[in-house]
Amino acid sequence: MRGLMQHDPLVVNRILERGLALFPRQEIVTWTRDGVHRETFTAFGERVSRLASALAALGVKPGDRVATFAFNTYRHQELYFSVPCMGAVLHTLNIRLHADQTAWIANHAGARVVFVDAPLVPVFAAIAPQLTSVKHVVIMGEADRSALPSSHDYEELLAAAAPEFPWPEPDENDAAAMCYTSGTTGSPKGVVYSHRSTVLHATMVNLASCLGLTDRDAVLPVVPMFHANAWGLPYAALMAGSKLVLAGAASADPAALVGLIQGERVTLTAGVPTVWTGLLQYLETTRCDLSSLRLVTVGGSATSVSMIERFKRLAGVDVVQGWGMTETGPVASISFPTEAMRGLAESEQFRIRARQGRVVPGVRCRVVTPEGRVAPWDDRTRGELEVKGNWVAASYYNDEKSAERFDDGWLRTGDIAVMDAQGSIRILDRA
């Protein structure tokens, strides 16, 4: 017997529709050298439609890859929605890779159009001659375009584009976005996120047992938007109606970050440990008001107990570690202490927060020993961490060796880990 429920496709279009309809006056705020740029969700929606019209005029069709080479900005956020909602595939390029590797990734993905932030034009100019599939380059912001003479201007394209776009209805299993792994072992590998996985991941992020975003939050993803969809926060924030605060080219500037947190009353922020190390050093010498923050999330690499302690001492803020990979959508586990642990000493709670935590709803995990057996949750028996779930990759894009990274449908993460009796993961090493 089958259920008798309706089926509404899980597509990014629904996130866009909800955000625009229910939270029209909410803002997307971006740091710029000339001050903050503000855009309401209503204005955002109008520009997203024009952008889709402009992309169609450039010849972009469903399934085409549209690449970005950009910081965290309102224009990048516009691409996050316009591209997948029109049926194309958003392909974020890591601005910190070597030119040869970036070109290899863009060519492997078959990118047709690349959007480049103005400050990054000199960097991209070294990449452009190596690109084989790109037909158009679009510059976002004012820049000397002499190095890219045939490029388009983003704002000019939008001004000339039709204000309305006939949005299609993508299949929920169609590709929405692509992100490549760092390639620490061999060539980078392409992970292709579906509309379905993107919507489910955003829904999970907004659960109360995860990050619990609502329209009362102001979210500052310091993690780059080219790094695994900024951990899904650009989608989760619009779904929840949260204010989205973007640091532009200032993600490594502690003073700018503190200014955004104070000025926009940021409630949740996310970034890698190196960013928070710089911020903590700034807090040691500068009087700041970070009382709006309810949570700092750390990922990308392991945080330390001392970092968690310093945030509590200097700002009175709780830090929680998240773990995941490009292949896991990316959030797979979060290290919140459980209710049963609330009575523990603060130092013990800090130690728990420094673990990789328990898998989020929608993800399963196991530790597999070198002998091939599933390890007990004893915090001692180590093995390779494997995961499975609705936003975990099933294979890599156009990769002949893809099957080597999977074990009977489970993703082999390459991380050596143990699990304790509460199901909390602690990563020890790489395989």
Protein backbone atom coordinates (compact mmCIF):
# COMPACT_ATOMS: atom_id res chain seq x y z
CA MET A 1 0.00 0.00 0.00
CA ARG A 2 1.37 3.44 -0.97
CA GLY A 3 0.76 6.80 0.64
CA LEU A 4 -1.83 9.13 -0.79
CA MET A 5 0.02 12.44 -0.47
CA GLN A 6 0.67 15.14 -3.04
CA HIS A 7 4.07 15.50 -4.64
CA ASP A 8 5.43 19.03 -5.00
CA PRO A 9 8.94 18.99 -6.52
CA LEU A 10 11.75 19.92 -4.15
CA VAL A 11 13.32 22.65 -6.29
CA VAL A 12 15.27 25.82 -5.53
CA ASN A 13 12.45 27.76 -7.21
CA ARG A 14 10.27 27.07 -4.16
CA ILE A 15 12.88 28.62 -1.85
CA LEU A 16 12.91 31.73 -4.03
CA GLU A 17 9.12 31.92 -4.17
CA ARG A 18 8.78 31.59 -0.40
CA GLY A 19 11.43 34.16 0.43
CA LEU A 20 10.01 36.78 -1.92
CA ALA A 21 6.37 36.22 -0.96
CA LEU A 22 6.70 36.05 2.82
CA PHE A 23 9.66 38.31 3.59
CA PRO A 24 9.64 41.09 0.95
CA ARG A 25 11.23 43.74 3.23
CA GLN A 26 14.03 41.53 4.57
CA GLU A 27 17.51 42.57 3.47
CA ILE A 28 20.66 41.27 1.84
CA VAL A 29 23.53 43.42 3.13
CA THR A 30 26.99 43.42 1.53
CA TRP A 31 30.21 45.05 2.74
CA THR A 32 31.90 47.23 0.13
CA ARG A 33 34.80 49.66 0.38
CA ASP A 34 32.29 52.49 0.00
CA GLY A 35 29.99 51.28 2.77
CA VAL A 36 27.31 48.62 2.98
CA HIS A 37 25.05 47.87 0.05
CA ARG A 38 21.44 47.05 0.95
CA GLU A 39 18.93 45.16 -1.13
CA THR A 40 15.46 44.05 -0.04
CA PHE A 41 14.22 40.60 -0.96
CA THR A 42 11.77 42.30 -3.33
CA ALA A 43 14.59 44.10 -5.16
CA PHE A 44 16.59 40.89 -5.10
CA GLY A 45 13.73 39.02 -6.79
CA GLU A 46 13.42 41.62 -9.53
CA ARG A 47 17.16 41.45 -10.26
CA VAL A 48 17.12 37.64 -10.22
CA SER A 49 14.44 37.70 -12.94
CA ARG A 50 16.40 40.19 -15.04
CA LEU A 51 19.54 38.11 -14.60
CA ALA A 52 17.76 35.01 -15.89
CA SER A 53 16.56 37.00 -18.92
CA ALA A 54 20.12 38.21 -19.50
CA LEU A 55 21.51 34.68 -19.25
CA ALA A 56 18.93 33.42 -21.73
CA ALA A 57 19.93 36.24 -24.10
CA LEU A 58 23.53 35.05 -23.84
CA GLY A 59 22.36 31.61 -24.98
CA VAL A 60 22.32 29.82 -21.63
CA LYS A 61 20.00 26.81 -21.74
CA PRO A 62 18.85 24.26 -19.15
CA GLY A 63 21.77 22.09 -18.09
CA ASP A 64 24.44 24.62 -19.12
CA ARG A 65 27.08 25.39 -16.51
CA VAL A 66 27.38 29.00 -15.38
CA ALA A 67 30.55 29.62 -13.38
CA THR A 68 31.28 32.23 -10.74
CA PHE A 69 34.67 33.60 -9.70
CA ALA A 70 33.60 35.85 -6.91
CA PHE A 71 33.46 36.94 -3.28
CA ASN A 72 30.39 36.78 -1.03
CA THR A 73 28.20 39.57 -2.44
CA TYR A 74 24.60 40.35 -3.34
CA ARG A 75 25.41 39.72 -7.01
CA HIS A 76 26.77 36.29 -6.18
CA GLN A 77 23.57 35.62 -4.21
CA GLU A 78 21.55 36.63 -7.27
CA LEU A 79 23.42 34.04 -9.32
CA TYR A 80 22.79 31.42 -6.62
CA PHE A 81 19.09 31.60 -7.45
CA SER A 82 18.79 32.81 -11.02
CA VAL A 83 20.99 30.08 -12.49
CA PRO A 84 19.39 26.94 -10.95
CA CYS A 85 15.86 28.36 -11.08
CA MET A 86 16.14 28.80 -14.86
CA GLY A 87 17.33 25.19 -15.17
CA ALA A 88 21.05 25.87 -15.60
CA VAL A 89 23.79 24.76 -13.21
CA LEU A 90 25.66 27.10 -10.87
CA HIS A 91 29.38 26.26 -10.87
CA THR A 92 31.40 28.07 -8.20
CA LEU A 93 35.14 28.38 -8.85
CA ASN A 94 37.63 28.64 -6.00
CA ILE A 95 39.39 32.01 -6.36
CA ARG A 96 42.39 30.77 -4.36
CA LEU A 97 43.50 27.93 -6.61
CA HIS A 98 46.38 28.13 -9.08
CA ALA A 99 45.34 29.43 -12.51
CA ASP A 100 46.09 26.09 -14.20
CA GLN A 101 43.94 24.16 -11.74
CA THR A 102 41.06 26.64 -12.00
CA ALA A 103 41.16 26.39 -15.78
CA TRP A 104 41.21 22.59 -15.60
CA ILE A 105 38.11 22.61 -13.37
CA ALA A 106 36.20 25.08 -15.58
CA ASN A 107 37.05 23.07 -18.69
CA HIS A 108 36.17 19.74 -17.07
CA ALA A 109 32.80 21.12 -16.01
CA GLY A 110 32.20 22.64 -19.43
CA ALA A 111 31.38 26.12 -18.14
CA ARG A 112 29.67 28.33 -20.78
CA VAL A 113 29.64 31.66 -18.97
CA VAL A 114 31.82 32.96 -16.12
CA PHE A 115 30.88 35.82 -13.78
CA VAL A 116 33.93 37.56 -12.29
CA ASP A 117 34.07 40.06 -9.42
CA ALA A 118 35.78 43.29 -10.46
CA PRO A 119 38.69 43.06 -7.94
CA LEU A 120 39.45 39.57 -9.28
CA VAL A 121 39.75 40.56 -12.96
CA PRO A 122 43.60 40.57 -12.92
CA VAL A 123 43.60 37.07 -11.40
CA PHE A 124 41.03 35.78 -13.86
CA ALA A 125 42.88 37.30 -16.82
CA ALA A 126 45.62 34.70 -16.27
CA ILE A 127 43.02 31.92 -16.41
CA ALA A 128 40.95 33.11 -19.37
CA PRO A 129 43.35 32.10 -22.20
CA GLN A 130 43.22 28.47 -21.01
CA LEU A 131 39.43 28.16 -21.09
CA THR A 132 38.01 26.02 -23.88
CA SER A 133 34.24 26.02 -23.35
CA VAL A 134 33.54 29.53 -22.05
CA LYS A 135 31.65 31.76 -24.50
CA HIS A 136 31.04 34.80 -22.31
CA VAL A 137 32.72 36.55 -19.38
CA VAL A 138 30.67 38.97 -17.24
CA ILE A 139 32.35 41.46 -14.90
CA MET A 140 30.52 42.32 -11.67
CA GLY A 141 31.37 45.87 -10.61
CA GLU A 142 33.56 48.62 -12.02
CA ALA A 143 36.85 47.35 -13.43
CA ASP A 144 39.45 47.92 -16.10
CA ARG A 145 38.19 45.47 -18.71
CA SER A 146 41.14 45.89 -21.10
CA ALA A 147 42.53 42.51 -20.03
CA LEU A 148 39.16 40.95 -20.93
CA PRO A 149 38.13 43.14 -23.89
CA SER A 150 35.12 41.09 -25.01
CA SER A 151 33.61 40.85 -21.51
CA HIS A 152 30.15 42.13 -20.52
CA ASP A 153 29.19 44.43 -17.66
CA TYR A 154 26.79 42.84 -15.14
CA GLU A 155 24.70 45.92 -14.46
CA GLU A 156 24.45 46.78 -18.15
CA LEU A 157 23.19 43.28 -18.89
CA LEU A 158 20.51 43.54 -16.18
CA ALA A 159 19.42 47.01 -17.30
CA ALA A 160 18.89 45.78 -20.85
CA ALA A 161 17.19 42.52 -19.85
CA ALA A 162 13.47 41.79 -19.67
CA PRO A 163 12.15 42.37 -16.13
CA GLU A 164 10.04 39.21 -16.17
CA PHE A 165 11.26 35.68 -16.80
CA PRO A 166 9.07 32.62 -17.50
CA TRP A 167 10.53 30.33 -14.86
CA PRO A 168 10.50 26.66 -15.88
CA GLU A 169 9.68 23.80 -13.52
CA PRO A 170 12.94 21.84 -13.11
CA ASP A 171 12.84 18.19 -12.13
CA GLU A 172 13.90 17.87 -8.50
CA ASN A 173 16.67 15.48 -9.53
CA ASP A 174 18.11 17.93 -12.07
CA ALA A 175 21.49 19.46 -11.28
CA ALA A 176 21.32 22.79 -9.42
CA ALA A 177 24.98 23.44 -8.64
CA MET A 178 28.50 22.03 -8.98
CA CYS A 179 31.48 22.34 -6.69
CA TYR A 180 34.88 20.67 -7.08
CA THR A 181 36.88 19.12 -4.27
CA SER A 182 40.31 20.50 -3.50
CA GLY A 183 42.08 17.70 -5.32
CA THR A 184 44.42 16.85 -2.43
CA THR A 185 44.52 13.28 -3.79
CA GLY A 186 44.69 13.41 -7.58
CA SER A 187 42.66 15.75 -9.78
CA PRO A 188 39.76 17.73 -8.28
CA LYS A 189 36.47 15.89 -8.38
CA GLY A 190 33.16 17.42 -9.39
CA VAL A 191 30.24 17.11 -6.97
CA VAL A 192 26.85 17.83 -8.54
CA TYR A 193 24.11 18.96 -6.17
CA SER A 194 20.52 18.35 -7.24
CA HIS A 195 17.59 20.66 -6.59
CA ARG A 196 16.25 18.00 -4.23
CA SER A 197 19.47 17.71 -2.22
CA THR A 198 19.78 21.50 -2.01
CA VAL A 199 16.25 21.98 -0.66
CA LEU A 200 16.54 19.10 1.81
CA HIS A 201 19.91 20.40 3.04
CA ALA A 202 18.51 23.92 3.58
CA THR A 203 15.54 22.45 5.45
CA MET A 204 17.90 20.49 7.71
CA VAL A 205 20.04 23.57 8.44
CA ASN A 206 16.91 25.35 9.65
CA LEU A 207 15.90 22.64 12.11
CA ALA A 208 15.97 23.70 15.75
CA SER A 209 18.39 20.85 16.47
CA CYS A 210 20.77 22.24 13.82
CA LEU A 211 21.22 25.99 13.23
CA GLY A 212 17.54 26.85 13.58
CA LEU A 213 17.37 29.93 11.34
CA THR A 214 14.24 32.11 11.43
CA ASP A 215 13.27 35.57 10.17
CA ARG A 216 14.60 36.94 13.47
CA ASP A 217 18.15 35.96 12.53
CA ALA A 218 20.85 37.88 10.70
CA VAL A 219 23.26 35.39 9.14
CA LEU A 220 26.86 36.16 8.22
CA PRO A 221 28.47 33.33 6.23
CA VAL A 222 32.16 34.18 6.30
CA VAL A 223 32.80 30.82 4.66
CA PRO A 224 33.20 31.60 0.94
CA MET A 225 30.29 31.08 -1.41
CA PHE A 226 32.69 29.13 -3.64
CA HIS A 227 33.25 26.61 -0.83
CA ALA A 228 30.46 24.00 -0.89
CA ASN A 229 27.67 26.56 -1.35
CA ALA A 230 28.82 28.51 1.73
CA TRP A 231 27.65 25.52 3.76
CA GLY A 232 24.14 25.97 2.35
CA LEU A 233 23.51 29.22 4.23
CA PRO A 234 22.56 31.35 1.17
CA TYR A 235 19.68 28.95 0.53
CA ALA A 236 18.75 28.33 4.17
CA ALA A 237 18.66 32.07 4.94
CA LEU A 238 16.27 32.90 2.11
CA MET A 239 14.08 29.91 3.01
CA ALA A 240 13.84 31.09 6.62
CA GLY A 241 13.53 34.78 5.80
CA SER A 242 16.73 35.63 7.65
CA LYS A 243 18.68 38.78 6.93
CA LEU A 244 21.76 37.77 4.92
CA VAL A 245 24.96 39.68 5.66
CA LEU A 246 27.85 39.23 3.22
CA ALA A 247 31.44 40.31 3.78
CA GLY A 248 32.46 40.88 0.16
CA ALA A 249 36.24 41.06 -0.13
CA ALA A 250 36.61 41.60 3.63
CA SER A 251 36.22 38.02 4.86
CA ALA A 252 39.75 38.07 6.30
CA ASP A 253 39.43 41.56 7.84
CA PRO A 254 38.53 41.27 11.56
CA ALA A 255 37.62 44.95 11.87
CA ALA A 256 35.20 44.73 8.94
CA LEU A 257 33.66 41.53 10.29
CA VAL A 258 33.19 43.04 13.74
CA GLY A 259 31.66 46.13 12.13
CA LEU A 260 29.15 43.97 10.27
CA ILE A 261 28.29 41.93 13.37
CA GLN A 262 27.73 45.07 15.45
CA GLY A 263 26.04 47.18 12.79
CA GLU A 264 23.71 44.50 11.42
CA ARG A 265 23.14 42.74 14.76
CA VAL A 266 24.31 39.42 13.34
CA THR A 267 22.98 36.45 15.30
CA LEU A 268 24.81 33.58 13.59
CA THR A 269 28.06 33.42 11.69
CA ALA A 270 30.06 30.61 10.10
CA GLY A 271 33.68 30.29 9.03
CA VAL A 272 36.91 28.33 9.14
CA PRO A 273 39.28 28.40 12.16
CA THR A 274 41.82 30.73 10.53
CA VAL A 275 39.16 33.45 10.20
CA TRP A 276 38.18 33.10 13.86
CA THR A 277 41.81 33.12 15.00
CA GLY A 278 42.23 36.56 13.44
CA LEU A 279 38.94 37.77 14.92
CA LEU A 280 39.87 36.59 18.41
CA GLN A 281 43.22 38.38 18.21
CA TYR A 282 41.32 41.55 17.30
CA LEU A 283 38.94 41.08 20.25
CA GLU A 284 41.89 40.77 22.63
CA THR A 285 42.87 44.39 21.93
CA THR A 286 39.63 46.08 20.85
CA ARG A 287 36.44 46.78 22.77
CA CYS A 288 33.55 45.27 20.81
CA ASP A 289 29.87 44.51 21.34
CA LEU A 290 29.07 41.05 19.98
CA SER A 291 26.06 40.56 22.22
CA SER A 292 23.77 39.95 19.24
CA LEU A 293 25.55 36.69 18.40
CA ARG A 294 23.86 33.51 19.58
CA LEU A 295 26.14 31.09 17.74
CA VAL A 296 29.49 30.87 15.96
CA THR A 297 29.89 27.80 13.78
CA VAL A 298 33.30 26.47 12.80
CA GLY A 299 34.10 24.06 9.99
CA GLY A 300 36.54 23.33 7.21
CA SER A 301 39.10 22.01 9.69
CA ALA A 302 39.03 21.06 13.35
CA THR A 303 38.61 23.75 15.95
CA SER A 304 40.35 23.65 19.32
CA VAL A 305 39.04 23.71 22.86
CA SER A 306 41.05 26.88 23.45
CA MET A 307 39.25 28.66 20.58
CA ILE A 308 35.88 27.72 22.07
CA GLU A 309 37.02 28.92 25.49
CA ARG A 310 38.33 32.24 24.10
CA PHE A 311 35.06 33.02 22.30
CA LYS A 312 33.17 32.41 25.53
CA ARG A 313 35.57 34.55 27.57
CA LEU A 314 35.95 37.45 25.12
CA ALA A 315 32.47 37.63 23.62
CA GLY A 316 30.22 35.40 25.72
CA VAL A 317 29.40 33.43 22.57
CA ASP A 318 28.86 29.69 22.15
CA VAL A 319 30.89 27.97 19.44
CA VAL A 320 29.75 24.80 17.76
CA GLN A 321 31.80 22.73 15.35
CA GLY A 322 30.27 21.32 12.21
CA TRP A 323 31.75 18.68 9.98
CA GLY A 324 31.21 17.83 6.36
CA MET A 325 32.75 17.74 2.93
CA THR A 326 31.99 19.07 -0.51
CA GLU A 327 30.52 15.61 -1.10
CA THR A 328 28.11 15.82 1.87
CA GLY A 329 26.17 18.83 0.75
CA PRO A 330 28.19 19.89 2.90
CA VAL A 331 26.86 19.75 6.50
CA ALA A 332 26.86 16.20 7.87
CA SER A 333 27.34 16.57 11.64
CA ILE A 334 27.18 19.23 14.34
CA SER A 335 28.69 19.13 17.83
CA PHE A 336 25.91 20.51 20.00
CA PRO A 337 25.95 19.03 23.51
CA THR A 338 22.84 16.98 24.14
CA GLU A 339 20.39 17.77 26.93
CA ALA A 340 21.84 14.87 28.93
CA MET A 341 25.21 16.64 28.87
CA ARG A 342 23.96 20.00 30.16
CA GLY A 343 24.91 19.14 33.74
CA LEU A 344 28.55 18.57 32.82
CA ALA A 345 31.28 21.01 33.78
CA GLU A 346 31.81 23.82 31.28
CA SER A 347 35.27 22.51 30.41
CA GLU A 348 33.77 19.12 29.51
CA GLN A 349 31.12 20.79 27.36
CA PHE A 350 33.87 22.69 25.54
CA ARG A 351 35.63 19.38 24.89
CA ILE A 352 32.42 17.93 23.42
CA ARG A 353 31.92 20.99 21.21
CA ALA A 354 35.43 20.47 19.80
CA ARG A 355 34.43 17.04 18.45
CA GLN A 356 32.86 16.69 15.01
CA GLY A 357 29.57 15.86 16.71
CA ARG A 358 26.56 13.74 15.80
CA VAL A 359 25.18 13.36 12.31
CA VAL A 360 22.31 15.67 11.43
CA PRO A 361 18.85 14.30 10.58
CA GLY A 362 18.94 12.92 7.07
CA VAL A 363 22.50 11.58 7.25
CA ARG A 364 23.75 8.19 8.46
CA CYS A 365 27.32 7.34 9.35
CA ARG A 366 29.48 4.42 10.34
CA VAL A 367 33.14 3.76 11.07
CA VAL A 368 34.57 0.81 9.14
CA THR A 369 37.72 -0.86 10.41
CA PRO A 370 40.56 -1.98 8.10
CA GLU A 371 39.15 -5.51 8.44
CA GLY A 372 35.83 -4.35 6.98
CA ARG A 373 33.66 -4.53 10.11
CA VAL A 374 31.56 -1.70 11.50
CA ALA A 375 33.27 -0.33 14.63
CA PRO A 376 31.41 -0.16 17.96
CA TRP A 377 30.69 3.22 19.56
CA ASP A 378 33.41 2.89 22.16
CA ASP A 379 35.50 5.99 21.30
CA ARG A 380 38.48 3.69 20.80
CA THR A 381 37.96 1.49 17.74
CA ARG A 382 39.13 3.48 14.77
CA GLY A 383 38.40 3.12 11.09
CA GLU A 384 37.35 5.07 8.02
CA LEU A 385 34.27 7.25 8.42
CA GLU A 386 31.57 6.47 5.84
CA VAL A 387 28.34 8.42 5.32
CA LYS A 388 25.09 8.08 3.42
CA GLY A 389 22.17 10.46 3.01
CA ASN A 390 19.90 12.54 0.81
CA TRP A 391 22.51 15.25 0.22
CA VAL A 392 25.55 12.97 0.02
CA ALA A 393 27.15 12.44 -3.39
CA ALA A 394 26.47 9.13 -5.11
CA SER A 395 29.30 9.59 -7.65
CA TYR A 396 31.57 12.24 -9.12
CA TYR A 397 31.04 14.11 -12.37
CA ASN A 398 32.67 12.48 -15.38
CA ASP A 399 35.20 10.57 -13.26
CA GLU A 400 36.23 7.05 -14.25
CA LYS A 401 37.58 6.27 -10.77
CA SER A 402 34.45 7.45 -8.98
CA ALA A 403 33.48 3.98 -7.75
CA GLU A 404 36.70 3.71 -5.69
CA ARG A 405 35.34 6.29 -3.23
CA PHE A 406 32.18 4.34 -2.44
CA ASP A 407 31.52 1.22 -0.36
CA ASP A 408 28.20 -0.44 -1.21
CA GLY A 409 26.55 2.97 -1.60
CA TRP A 410 28.34 4.60 1.36
CA LEU A 411 30.71 7.52 0.69
CA ARG A 412 34.21 6.76 1.92
CA THR A 413 35.26 10.09 3.43
CA GLY A 414 38.95 9.33 3.81
CA ASP A 415 38.76 10.45 7.45
CA ILE A 416 39.90 8.13 10.23
CA ALA A 417 37.52 8.45 13.17
CA VAL A 418 36.04 6.96 16.33
CA MET A 419 32.52 7.33 17.75
CA ASP A 420 31.53 7.53 21.39
CA ALA A 421 28.50 6.03 23.13
CA GLN A 422 26.41 9.11 22.27
CA GLY A 423 27.19 8.76 18.57
CA SER A 424 29.57 11.73 18.54
CA ILE A 425 32.27 11.57 15.87
CA ARG A 426 35.90 12.41 16.59
CA ILE A 427 38.16 12.58 13.55
CA LEU A 428 41.74 11.53 14.23
CA ASP A 429 43.55 11.52 10.89
CA ARG A 430 43.29 11.15 7.14
CA ALA A 431 43.38 7.67 5.62
